Amino acid sequence: MINILVIGIIIYLVWALFHHQKDKSLTLPIFLEYVLTAVLVLILILGVKL
């Protein structure tokens, strides 16, 4: 279960960074937004699972 979650988060981050890099809109705040969203999802899922 955790492996699938981690793979999903990695795919989400790679897709988001690729998308913003492609249209040249990748900035530090956007990068941090995606990373913090991924961390929040991980925390929420682990909290519900436990």
C-alpha atoms as a PDB file:
ATOM      1  CA  MET A   1       0.000   0.000   0.000  1.00  0.00           C
ATOM      2  CA  ILE A   2       2.727   2.467   0.968  1.00  0.00           C
ATOM      3  CA  ASN A   3       4.734   1.587  -2.154  1.00  0.00           C
ATOM      4  CA  ILE A   4       1.799   2.468  -4.409  1.00  0.00           C
ATOM      5  CA  LEU A   5       1.318   5.753  -2.549  1.00  0.00           C
ATOM      6  CA  VAL A   6       4.990   6.701  -2.887  1.00  0.00           C
ATOM      7  CA  ILE A   7       5.019   5.801  -6.590  1.00  0.00           C
ATOM      8  CA  GLY A   8       1.891   7.920  -7.110  1.00  0.00           C
ATOM      9  CA  ILE A   9       3.472  10.878  -5.324  1.00  0.00           C
ATOM     10  CA  ILE A  10       6.655  10.569  -7.393  1.00  0.00           C
ATOM     11  CA  ILE A  11       4.644  10.425 -10.630  1.00  0.00           C
ATOM     12  CA  TYR A  12       2.669  13.493  -9.496  1.00  0.00           C
ATOM     13  CA  LEU A  13       5.853  15.457  -8.807  1.00  0.00           C
ATOM     14  CA  VAL A  14       7.596  14.431 -12.027  1.00  0.00           C
ATOM     15  CA  TRP A  15       4.526  15.270 -14.126  1.00  0.00           C
ATOM     16  CA  ALA A  16       4.072  18.654 -12.438  1.00  0.00           C
ATOM     17  CA  LEU A  17       7.736  19.612 -12.745  1.00  0.00           C
ATOM     18  CA  PHE A  18       7.868  18.465 -16.375  1.00  0.00           C
ATOM     19  CA  HIS A  19       4.727  20.447 -17.203  1.00  0.00           C
ATOM     20  CA  HIS A  20       5.995  23.675 -15.650  1.00  0.00           C
ATOM     21  CA  GLN A  21       9.488  23.221 -17.044  1.00  0.00           C
ATOM     22  CA  LYS A  22       8.011  22.731 -20.525  1.00  0.00           C
ATOM     23  CA  ASP A  23       6.110  26.029 -20.500  1.00  0.00           C
ATOM     24  CA  LYS A  24       8.896  27.769 -18.553  1.00  0.00           C
ATOM     25  CA  SER A  25       6.739  28.696 -15.564  1.00  0.00           C
ATOM     26  CA  LEU A  26       8.648  26.681 -12.961  1.00  0.00           C
ATOM     27  CA  THR A  27       9.574  28.880 -10.010  1.00  0.00           C
ATOM     28  CA  LEU A  28      10.576  28.108  -6.448  1.00  0.00           C
ATOM     29  CA  PRO A  29       7.095  28.849  -5.012  1.00  0.00           C
ATOM     30  CA  ILE A  30       5.474  26.515  -7.559  1.00  0.00           C
ATOM     31  CA  PHE A  31       8.032  23.806  -6.795  1.00  0.00           C
ATOM     32  CA  LEU A  32       7.428  24.170  -3.055  1.00  0.00           C
ATOM     33  CA  GLU A  33       3.670  24.071  -3.579  1.00  0.00           C
ATOM     34  CA  TYR A  34       3.891  20.705  -5.336  1.00  0.00           C
ATOM     35  CA  VAL A  35       6.312  19.248  -2.789  1.00  0.00           C
ATOM     36  CA  LEU A  36       4.231  20.417   0.175  1.00  0.00           C
ATOM     37  CA  THR A  37       1.040  19.100  -1.437  1.00  0.00           C
ATOM     38  CA  ALA A  38       2.698  15.702  -1.905  1.00  0.00           C
ATOM     39  CA  VAL A  39       3.880  15.686   1.718  1.00  0.00           C
ATOM     40  CA  LEU A  40       0.404  16.664   2.948  1.00  0.00           C
ATOM     41  CA  VAL A  41      -1.207  13.837   0.967  1.00  0.00           C
ATOM     42  CA  LEU A  42       1.322  11.380   2.384  1.00  0.00           C
ATOM     43  CA  ILE A  43       0.624  12.545   5.947  1.00  0.00           C
ATOM     44  CA  LEU A  44      -3.147  12.408   5.448  1.00  0.00           C
ATOM     45  CA  ILE A  45      -3.107   8.930   3.947  1.00  0.00           C
ATOM     46  CA  LEU A  46      -0.797   7.586   6.648  1.00  0.00           C
ATOM     47  CA  GLY A  47      -2.981   9.206   9.320  1.00  0.00           C
ATOM     48  CA  VAL A  48      -6.119   7.578   7.955  1.00  0.00           C
ATOM     49  CA  LYS A  49      -4.402   4.227   7.570  1.00  0.00           C
ATOM     50  CA  LEU A  50      -3.197   4.185  11.174  1.00  0.00           C
END
